[in-house]
PDB file of N, CA and C in Angstrom:
ATOM      1  N   MET A   1      -4.465 -36.904  31.139  1.00  0.00           N
ATOM      2  CA  MET A   1      -4.640 -38.371  31.147  1.00  0.00           C
ATOM      3  C   MET A   1      -3.323 -38.786  30.118  1.00  0.00           C
ATOM      4  N   SER A   2      -2.660 -39.673  30.629  1.00  0.00           N
ATOM      5  CA  SER A   2      -1.640 -40.167  29.622  1.00  0.00           C
ATOM      6  C   SER A   2      -2.190 -40.911  28.506  1.00  0.00           C
ATOM      7  N   THR A   3      -1.230 -41.257  27.620  1.00  0.00           N
ATOM      8  CA  THR A   3      -1.428 -41.990  26.563  1.00  0.00           C
ATOM      9  C   THR A   3      -0.873 -43.447  26.525  1.00  0.00           C
ATOM     10  N   LYS A   4      -1.673 -44.496  26.201  1.00  0.00           N
ATOM     11  CA  LYS A   4      -1.501 -46.065  26.355  1.00  0.00           C
ATOM     12  C   LYS A   4      -1.646 -46.480  25.062  1.00  0.00           C
ATOM     13  N   LEU A   5      -0.668 -47.304  24.628  1.00  0.00           N
ATOM     14  CA  LEU A   5      -0.780 -48.063  23.409  1.00  0.00           C
ATOM     15  C   LEU A   5      -0.802 -49.609  23.835  1.00  0.00           C
ATOM     16  N   THR A   6      -1.688 -50.296  23.187  1.00  0.00           N
ATOM     17  CA  THR A   6      -1.806 -51.806  23.586  1.00  0.00           C
ATOM     18  C   THR A   6      -1.566 -52.598  22.140  1.00  0.00           C
ATOM     19  N   ILE A   7      -0.557 -53.330  22.156  1.00  0.00           N
ATOM     20  CA  ILE A   7      -0.519 -54.294  20.915  1.00  0.00           C
ATOM     21  C   ILE A   7      -1.267 -55.505  20.924  1.00  0.00           C
ATOM     22  N   ASN A   8      -2.310 -55.379  20.331  1.00  0.00           N
ATOM     23  CA  ASN A   8      -3.083 -56.744  20.372  1.00  0.00           C
ATOM     24  C   ASN A   8      -2.876 -57.855  19.500  1.00  0.00           C
ATOM     25  N   ASN A   9      -3.080 -59.098  20.258  1.00  0.00           N
ATOM     26  CA  ASN A   9      -2.665 -60.357  19.359  1.00  0.00           C
ATOM     27  C   ASN A   9      -3.402 -60.292  18.040  1.00  0.00           C
ATOM     28  N   ASN A  10      -2.629 -60.725  17.105  1.00  0.00           N
ATOM     29  CA  ASN A  10      -3.215 -60.920  15.657  1.00  0.00           C
ATOM     30  C   ASN A  10      -3.979 -59.607  15.297  1.00  0.00           C
ATOM     31  N   GLY A  11      -3.740 -58.404  15.470  1.00  0.00           N
ATOM     32  CA  GLY A  11      -4.432 -57.246  15.241  1.00  0.00           C
ATOM     33  C   GLY A  11      -3.758 -55.879  15.421  1.00  0.00           C
ATOM     34  N   SER A  12      -4.502 -54.936  15.709  1.00  0.00           N
ATOM     35  CA  SER A  12      -4.357 -53.556  15.689  1.00  0.00           C
ATOM     36  C   SER A  12      -3.500 -53.245  17.113  1.00  0.00           C
ATOM     37  N   VAL A  13      -3.184 -51.872  16.846  1.00  0.00           N
ATOM     38  CA  VAL A  13      -2.587 -51.245  18.194  1.00  0.00           C
ATOM     39  C   VAL A  13      -3.648 -50.280  18.722  1.00  0.00           C
ATOM     40  N   LYS A  14      -4.074 -50.552  19.839  1.00  0.00           N
ATOM     41  CA  LYS A  14      -5.104 -49.743  20.374  1.00  0.00           C
ATOM     42  C   LYS A  14      -4.510 -48.571  21.080  1.00  0.00           C
ATOM     43  N   ILE A  15      -4.971 -47.230  20.983  1.00  0.00           N
ATOM     44  CA  ILE A  15      -4.432 -46.063  21.579  1.00  0.00           C
ATOM     45  C   ILE A  15      -5.537 -45.568  22.331  1.00  0.00           C
ATOM     46  N   GLU A  16      -5.338 -45.381  23.550  1.00  0.00           N
ATOM     47  CA  GLU A  16      -6.152 -44.558  24.578  1.00  0.00           C
ATOM     48  C   GLU A  16      -5.454 -43.509  25.155  1.00  0.00           C
ATOM     49  N   GLY A  17      -6.452 -42.541  25.472  1.00  0.00           N
ATOM     50  CA  GLY A  17      -5.872 -41.353  26.265  1.00  0.00           C
ATOM     51  C   GLY A  17      -5.900 -39.938  25.403  1.00  0.00           C
ATOM     52  N   ASP A  18      -4.867 -39.277  25.791  1.00  0.00           N
ATOM     53  CA  ASP A  18      -4.938 -37.815  25.149  1.00  0.00           C
ATOM     54  C   ASP A  18      -3.602 -37.914  23.903  1.00  0.00           C
ATOM     55  N   PHE A  19      -4.030 -37.884  22.870  1.00  0.00           N
ATOM     56  CA  PHE A  19      -3.149 -37.952  21.638  1.00  0.00           C
ATOM     57  C   PHE A  19      -3.760 -37.111  20.476  1.00  0.00           C
ATOM     58  N   GLU A  20      -2.917 -37.182  19.613  1.00  0.00           N
ATOM     59  CA  GLU A  20      -3.009 -36.504  18.218  1.00  0.00           C
ATOM     60  C   GLU A  20      -2.239 -37.465  17.379  1.00  0.00           C
ATOM     61  N   ILE A  21      -2.951 -37.620  16.112  1.00  0.00           N
ATOM     62  CA  ILE A  21      -2.199 -38.286  15.064  1.00  0.00           C
ATOM     63  C   ILE A  21      -1.952 -37.448  13.650  1.00  0.00           C
ATOM     64  N   VAL A  22      -0.772 -37.350  13.291  1.00  0.00           N
ATOM     65  CA  VAL A  22      -0.604 -36.621  12.195  1.00  0.00           C
ATOM     66  C   VAL A  22       0.126 -37.265  11.120  1.00  0.00           C
ATOM     67  N   ASP A  23      -0.035 -36.579   9.722  1.00  0.00           N
ATOM     68  CA  ASP A  23       0.532 -37.187   8.838  1.00  0.00           C
ATOM     69  C   ASP A  23       2.026 -36.839   8.653  1.00  0.00           C
ATOM     70  N   LYS A  24       2.844 -37.449   7.618  1.00  0.00           N
ATOM     71  CA  LYS A  24       4.090 -37.003   7.296  1.00  0.00           C
ATOM     72  C   LYS A  24       4.503 -35.714   7.206  1.00  0.00           C
ATOM     73  N   SER A  25       3.616 -34.661   7.016  1.00  0.00           N
ATOM     74  CA  SER A  25       3.520 -33.191   6.650  1.00  0.00           C
ATOM     75  C   SER A  25       3.136 -32.439   8.014  1.00  0.00           C
ATOM     76  N   GLY A  26       2.885 -33.133   9.071  1.00  0.00           N
ATOM     77  CA  GLY A  26       2.320 -32.567  10.196  1.00  0.00           C
ATOM     78  C   GLY A  26       0.843 -32.163  10.343  1.00  0.00           C
ATOM     79  N   ASN A  27       0.145 -32.637   9.253  1.00  0.00           N
ATOM     80  CA  ASN A  27      -1.194 -32.148   9.314  1.00  0.00           C
ATOM     81  C   ASN A  27      -1.756 -33.170  10.318  1.00  0.00           C
ATOM     82  N   ASN A  28      -2.742 -32.867  11.117  1.00  0.00           N
ATOM     83  CA  ASN A  28      -3.668 -33.665  12.141  1.00  0.00           C
ATOM     84  C   ASN A  28      -4.842 -34.488  11.191  1.00  0.00           C
ATOM     85  N   TYR A  29      -4.993 -35.828  11.596  1.00  0.00           N
ATOM     86  CA  TYR A  29      -6.198 -36.548  11.270  1.00  0.00           C
ATOM     87  C   TYR A  29      -7.390 -36.004  12.144  1.00  0.00           C
ATOM     88  N   GLY A  30      -8.433 -35.863  11.466  1.00  0.00           N
ATOM     89  CA  GLY A  30      -9.634 -35.401  12.309  1.00  0.00           C
ATOM     90  C   GLY A  30     -10.177 -36.652  12.995  1.00  0.00           C
ATOM     91  N   LEU A  31      -9.888 -36.666  14.323  1.00  0.00           N
ATOM     92  CA  LEU A  31     -10.483 -37.817  14.823  1.00  0.00           C
ATOM     93  C   LEU A  31     -11.898 -37.802  15.673  1.00  0.00           C
ATOM     94  N   GLY A  32     -12.546 -36.770  15.453  1.00  0.00           N
ATOM     95  CA  GLY A  32     -13.742 -36.673  15.876  1.00  0.00           C
ATOM     96  C   GLY A  32     -14.105 -36.775  17.319  1.00  0.00           C
ATOM     97  N   GLY A  33     -13.141 -36.310  18.169  1.00  0.00           N
ATOM     98  CA  GLY A  33     -13.312 -36.218  19.539  1.00  0.00           C
ATOM     99  C   GLY A  33     -12.866 -37.718  20.338  1.00  0.00           C
ATOM    100  N   ARG A  34     -12.582 -38.649  19.532  1.00  0.00           N
ATOM    101  CA  ARG A  34     -12.222 -39.906  20.039  1.00  0.00           C
ATOM    102  C   ARG A  34     -11.074 -40.010  20.972  1.00  0.00           C
ATOM    103  N   THR A  35     -11.085 -40.728  21.965  1.00  0.00           N
ATOM    104  CA  THR A  35      -9.987 -40.973  23.019  1.00  0.00           C
ATOM    105  C   THR A  35      -9.512 -42.169  22.947  1.00  0.00           C
ATOM    106  N   VAL A  36     -10.014 -43.117  22.204  1.00  0.00           N
ATOM    107  CA  VAL A  36      -9.872 -44.481  22.008  1.00  0.00           C
ATOM    108  C   VAL A  36      -9.884 -44.979  20.583  1.00  0.00           C
ATOM    109  N   LEU A  37      -8.981 -45.357  19.669  1.00  0.00           N
ATOM    110  CA  LEU A  37      -8.978 -45.943  18.354  1.00  0.00           C
ATOM    111  C   LEU A  37      -7.972 -46.888  18.153  1.00  0.00           C
ATOM    112  N   SER A  38      -7.982 -47.569  16.964  1.00  0.00           N
ATOM    113  CA  SER A  38      -7.100 -48.696  16.657  1.00  0.00           C
ATOM    114  C   SER A  38      -6.336 -48.244  15.441  1.00  0.00           C
ATOM    115  N   ILE A  39      -4.849 -48.421  15.327  1.00  0.00           N
ATOM    116  CA  ILE A  39      -4.162 -48.248  14.106  1.00  0.00           C
ATOM    117  C   ILE A  39      -3.818 -49.602  13.527  1.00  0.00           C
ATOM    118  N   CYS A  40      -3.977 -49.779  12.284  1.00  0.00           N
ATOM    119  CA  CYS A  40      -3.697 -51.082  11.419  1.00  0.00           C
ATOM    120  C   CYS A  40      -2.221 -51.210  11.531  1.00  0.00           C
ATOM    121  N   ARG A  41      -1.801 -52.671  11.808  1.00  0.00           N
ATOM    122  CA  ARG A  41      -0.670 -53.127  11.825  1.00  0.00           C
ATOM    123  C   ARG A  41      -0.400 -54.105  10.617  1.00  0.00           C
ATOM    124  N   CYS A  42      -1.663 -54.513  10.026  1.00  0.00           N
ATOM    125  CA  CYS A  42      -1.452 -55.781   9.157  1.00  0.00           C
ATOM    126  C   CYS A  42      -1.163 -55.171   7.926  1.00  0.00           C
ATOM    127  N   GLY A  43      -1.467 -53.910   7.549  1.00  0.00           N
ATOM    128  CA  GLY A  43      -1.372 -53.398   6.135  1.00  0.00           C
ATOM    129  C   GLY A  43      -2.638 -53.636   5.304  1.00  0.00           C
ATOM    130  N   LEU A  44      -3.882 -54.535   5.746  1.00  0.00           N
ATOM    131  CA  LEU A  44      -4.828 -54.738   4.897  1.00  0.00           C
ATOM    132  C   LEU A  44      -6.079 -53.763   5.037  1.00  0.00           C
ATOM    133  N   SER A  45      -6.037 -52.778   5.917  1.00  0.00           N
ATOM    134  CA  SER A  45      -6.961 -51.947   6.316  1.00  0.00           C
ATOM    135  C   SER A  45      -7.397 -50.973   4.887  1.00  0.00           C
ATOM    136  N   LYS A  46      -8.687 -50.854   4.726  1.00  0.00           N
ATOM    137  CA  LYS A  46      -9.012 -49.859   3.556  1.00  0.00           C
ATOM    138  C   LYS A  46      -8.980 -48.555   4.043  1.00  0.00           C
ATOM    139  N   ASN A  47      -8.843 -48.298   5.249  1.00  0.00           N
ATOM    140  CA  ASN A  47      -9.149 -47.095   6.206  1.00  0.00           C
ATOM    141  C   ASN A  47      -7.558 -46.831   6.900  1.00  0.00           C
ATOM    142  N   LYS A  48      -6.469 -47.077   6.194  1.00  0.00           N
ATOM    143  CA  LYS A  48      -5.300 -46.886   6.693  1.00  0.00           C
ATOM    144  C   LYS A  48      -5.102 -45.237   7.179  1.00  0.00           C
ATOM    145  N   PRO A  49      -4.516 -44.969   8.213  1.00  0.00           N
ATOM    146  CA  PRO A  49      -3.787 -45.616   9.168  1.00  0.00           C
ATOM    147  C   PRO A  49      -4.662 -46.538  10.042  1.00  0.00           C
ATOM    148  N   PHE A  50      -5.969 -46.284  10.080  1.00  0.00           N
ATOM    149  CA  PHE A  50      -6.845 -46.696  11.064  1.00  0.00           C
ATOM    150  C   PHE A  50      -7.228 -48.192  10.789  1.00  0.00           C
ATOM    151  N   CYS A  51      -7.536 -48.967  11.838  1.00  0.00           N
ATOM    152  CA  CYS A  51      -8.040 -50.429  11.717  1.00  0.00           C
ATOM    153  C   CYS A  51      -9.456 -50.475  11.176  1.00  0.00           C
ATOM    154  N   ASP A  52      -9.729 -51.519  10.432  1.00  0.00           N
ATOM    155  CA  ASP A  52     -11.167 -51.728  10.002  1.00  0.00           C
ATOM    156  C   ASP A  52     -11.539 -53.091  10.143  1.00  0.00           C
ATOM    157  N   GLY A  53     -10.538 -53.779  10.768  1.00  0.00           N
ATOM    158  CA  GLY A  53     -10.816 -55.155  10.990  1.00  0.00           C
ATOM    159  C   GLY A  53     -10.564 -56.389   9.885  1.00  0.00           C
ATOM    160  N   ALA A  54      -9.853 -55.817   8.899  1.00  0.00           N
ATOM    161  CA  ALA A  54      -9.379 -56.711   7.862  1.00  0.00           C
ATOM    162  C   ALA A  54      -8.523 -57.680   8.312  1.00  0.00           C
ATOM    163  N   HIS A  55      -7.756 -57.382   9.435  1.00  0.00           N
ATOM    164  CA  HIS A  55      -6.916 -58.544   9.876  1.00  0.00           C
ATOM    165  C   HIS A  55      -7.462 -59.799  10.109  1.00  0.00           C
ATOM    166  N   ASN A  56      -8.581 -59.751  10.434  1.00  0.00           N
ATOM    167  CA  ASN A  56      -9.107 -61.110  10.987  1.00  0.00           C
ATOM    168  C   ASN A  56      -8.828 -62.250   9.992  1.00  0.00           C
ATOM    169  N   GLY A  57      -8.264 -63.184  10.676  1.00  0.00           N
ATOM    170  CA  GLY A  57      -7.729 -64.406   9.915  1.00  0.00           C
ATOM    171  C   GLY A  57      -6.626 -64.386   8.937  1.00  0.00           C
ATOM    172  N   ASN A  58      -6.069 -62.985   8.915  1.00  0.00           N
ATOM    173  CA  ASN A  58      -4.886 -62.703   7.794  1.00  0.00           C
ATOM    174  C   ASN A  58      -3.803 -62.327   8.438  1.00  0.00           C
ATOM    175  N   PHE A  59      -3.673 -62.214   9.963  1.00  0.00           N
ATOM    176  CA  PHE A  59      -2.492 -61.761  10.405  1.00  0.00           C
ATOM    177  C   PHE A  59      -2.290 -62.486  11.507  1.00  0.00           C
ATOM    178  N   ASP A  60      -1.106 -63.061  11.784  1.00  0.00           N
ATOM    179  CA  ASP A  60      -0.582 -63.809  13.015  1.00  0.00           C
ATOM    180  C   ASP A  60       0.346 -63.172  14.064  1.00  0.00           C
ATOM    181  N   HIS A  61       0.282 -62.763  15.055  1.00  0.00           N
ATOM    182  CA  HIS A  61       1.345 -62.196  15.836  1.00  0.00           C
ATOM    183  C   HIS A  61       0.963 -62.272  17.298  1.00  0.00           C
ATOM    184  N   GLU A  62       1.372 -62.967  18.009  1.00  0.00           N
ATOM    185  CA  GLU A  62       1.094 -63.182  19.473  1.00  0.00           C
ATOM    186  C   GLU A  62       2.007 -61.910  20.280  1.00  0.00           C
ATOM    187  N   ALA A  63       1.133 -61.064  20.877  1.00  0.00           N
ATOM    188  CA  ALA A  63       1.823 -59.844  21.642  1.00  0.00           C
ATOM    189  C   ALA A  63       2.545 -60.215  22.868  1.00  0.00           C
ATOM    190  N   VAL A  64       3.636 -60.439  23.041  1.00  0.00           N
ATOM    191  CA  VAL A  64       4.161 -60.395  24.280  1.00  0.00           C
ATOM    192  C   VAL A  64       5.308 -59.455  24.405  1.00  0.00           C
ATOM    193  N   ALA A  65       5.248 -58.757  25.779  1.00  0.00           N
ATOM    194  CA  ALA A  65       6.167 -57.667  25.995  1.00  0.00           C
ATOM    195  C   ALA A  65       7.685 -58.302  25.990  1.00  0.00           C
ATOM    196  N   PHE A  66       8.346 -57.489  25.610  1.00  0.00           N
ATOM    197  CA  PHE A  66      10.102 -57.866  25.968  1.00  0.00           C
ATOM    198  C   PHE A  66      10.831 -56.765  26.265  1.00  0.00           C
ATOM    199  N   ASP A  67      12.039 -56.715  26.631  1.00  0.00           N
ATOM    200  CA  ASP A  67      12.956 -55.469  26.671  1.00  0.00           C
ATOM    201  C   ASP A  67      13.733 -55.164  25.355  1.00  0.00           C
ATOM    202  N   LEU A  68      13.640 -54.147  24.981  1.00  0.00           N
ATOM    203  CA  LEU A  68      14.827 -53.943  23.713  1.00  0.00           C
ATOM    204  C   LEU A  68      16.254 -53.981  24.332  1.00  0.00           C
ATOM    205  N   PRO A  69      17.202 -54.028  23.330  1.00  0.00           N
ATOM    206  CA  PRO A  69      18.413 -54.026  23.655  1.00  0.00           C
ATOM    207  C   PRO A  69      18.845 -52.308  24.066  1.00  0.00           C
ATOM    208  N   PRO A  70      19.990 -52.502  24.608  1.00  0.00           N
ATOM    209  CA  PRO A  70      20.234 -50.946  25.031  1.00  0.00           C
ATOM    210  C   PRO A  70      20.552 -50.121  23.758  1.00  0.00           C
ATOM    211  N   LYS A  71      20.291 -48.703  23.839  1.00  0.00           N
ATOM    212  CA  LYS A  71      20.514 -48.099  22.684  1.00  0.00           C
ATOM    213  C   LYS A  71      21.968 -47.966  22.246  1.00  0.00           C
ATOM    214  N   LYS A  72      22.224 -47.903  20.846  1.00  0.00           N
ATOM    215  CA  LYS A  72      23.616 -47.915  20.507  1.00  0.00           C
ATOM    216  C   LYS A  72      23.902 -46.292  20.572  1.00  0.00           C
ATOM    217  N   VAL A  73      25.380 -46.331  20.900  1.00  0.00           N
ATOM    218  CA  VAL A  73      25.923 -44.975  21.296  1.00  0.00           C
ATOM    219  C   VAL A  73      26.434 -44.497  19.987  1.00  0.00           C
TER     220      VAL A  73
END
């Protein structure tokens, strides 16, 4: 199964599929077998990097897809 990231309006990034999450040293977070979870985007979660819903009413972003400019050479 591939990995899908969904940028939610006014909230988290939802990750679905086959993935692992590691810290800056390469150590795995224990995900308890989860295949769906959300990552904090607002910085308010007490459970970072995972979302705990603290963004509700405190984070405003309308997630609309767009194309990035070409990579710089």
